[in-house]
Amino acid sequence: MAVASFLLCSGQVRLVKTERINEKLVLFHFSPKKIAEKLVADFWSDQAIVSPRKVFEARRSLTDLIFSGSP
């Protein structure tokens, strides 16, 4: 959820699909894939800089999306 929240608030990629694998696992698909992959690498290497407030808002949006059952 943390990585997806970061990607969503980065403004560089867009959420194109959610895929529910089971009741506890949802996959988030972002586009463009190459930029998303670069951002994920930045996230895990502590090179990412984003507003904490935006990450919190993105996390809330993703949580709402998961529990509303919307695509």
Protein backbone atom coordinates (compact mmCIF):
# COMPACT_ATOMS: atom_id res chain seq x y z
CA MET A 1 0.00 0.00 0.00
CA ALA A 2 2.88 2.37 0.77
CA VAL A 3 4.45 2.00 -2.69
CA ALA A 4 1.10 2.35 -4.45
CA SER A 5 0.32 5.46 -2.40
CA PHE A 6 3.68 6.93 -3.35
CA LEU A 7 3.14 6.17 -7.04
CA LEU A 8 -0.34 7.67 -6.97
CA CYS A 9 0.79 10.92 -5.37
CA SER A 10 3.90 11.26 -7.58
CA GLY A 11 1.83 12.72 -10.40
CA GLN A 12 4.02 10.89 -12.92
CA VAL A 13 1.91 7.76 -13.39
CA ARG A 14 -1.77 6.96 -13.31
CA LEU A 15 -3.65 4.09 -11.76
CA VAL A 16 -5.15 2.14 -14.65
CA LYS A 17 -6.43 -1.02 -12.99
CA THR A 18 -6.96 -2.77 -9.69
CA GLU A 19 -6.94 -6.54 -9.48
CA ARG A 20 -8.29 -8.34 -6.43
CA ILE A 21 -6.29 -11.55 -5.98
CA ASN A 22 -8.06 -12.62 -2.79
CA GLU A 23 -9.80 -10.97 0.15
CA LYS A 24 -6.48 -9.69 1.53
CA LEU A 25 -4.53 -8.86 -1.64
CA VAL A 26 -5.20 -6.23 -4.29
CA LEU A 27 -2.74 -5.44 -7.08
CA PHE A 28 -2.51 -1.90 -8.42
CA HIS A 29 -1.49 -1.41 -12.07
CA PHE A 30 0.11 1.91 -13.03
CA SER A 31 0.99 3.40 -16.40
CA PRO A 32 3.40 4.15 -17.95
CA LYS A 33 5.12 1.03 -16.64
CA LYS A 34 8.71 2.20 -17.19
CA ILE A 35 8.17 5.35 -15.13
CA ALA A 36 6.40 3.36 -12.41
CA GLU A 37 9.34 0.95 -12.25
CA LYS A 38 11.80 3.86 -11.92
CA LEU A 39 9.70 5.42 -9.15
CA VAL A 40 9.52 2.09 -7.29
CA ALA A 41 13.32 1.84 -7.45
CA ASP A 42 13.56 5.41 -6.13
CA PHE A 43 11.15 4.53 -3.31
CA TRP A 44 13.15 1.50 -2.16
CA SER A 45 16.50 3.32 -2.41
CA ASP A 46 15.19 6.25 -0.32
CA GLN A 47 15.56 8.63 -3.26
CA ALA A 48 11.85 9.52 -3.33
CA ILE A 49 10.70 12.94 -2.19
CA VAL A 50 6.98 13.53 -1.78
CA SER A 51 4.69 15.48 0.48
CA PRO A 52 3.65 13.38 3.50
CA ARG A 53 0.17 14.90 3.28
CA LYS A 54 -0.17 13.78 -0.36
CA VAL A 55 0.94 10.24 0.51
CA PHE A 56 -1.66 10.12 3.28
CA GLU A 57 -4.39 11.37 0.91
CA ALA A 58 -3.36 8.84 -1.75
CA ARG A 59 -3.44 6.02 0.80
CA ARG A 60 -6.92 7.05 1.88
CA SER A 61 -8.07 7.13 -1.77
CA LEU A 62 -6.67 3.66 -2.42
CA THR A 63 -8.26 2.29 0.74
CA ASP A 64 -11.62 3.77 -0.31
CA LEU A 65 -11.18 2.23 -3.76
CA ILE A 66 -10.45 -1.21 -2.32
CA PHE A 67 -13.42 -1.24 0.03
CA SER A 68 -15.88 0.33 -2.41
CA GLY A 69 -15.28 -2.49 -4.87
CA SER A 70 -14.71 -0.02 -7.72
CA PRO A 71 -12.23 -0.76 -10.49
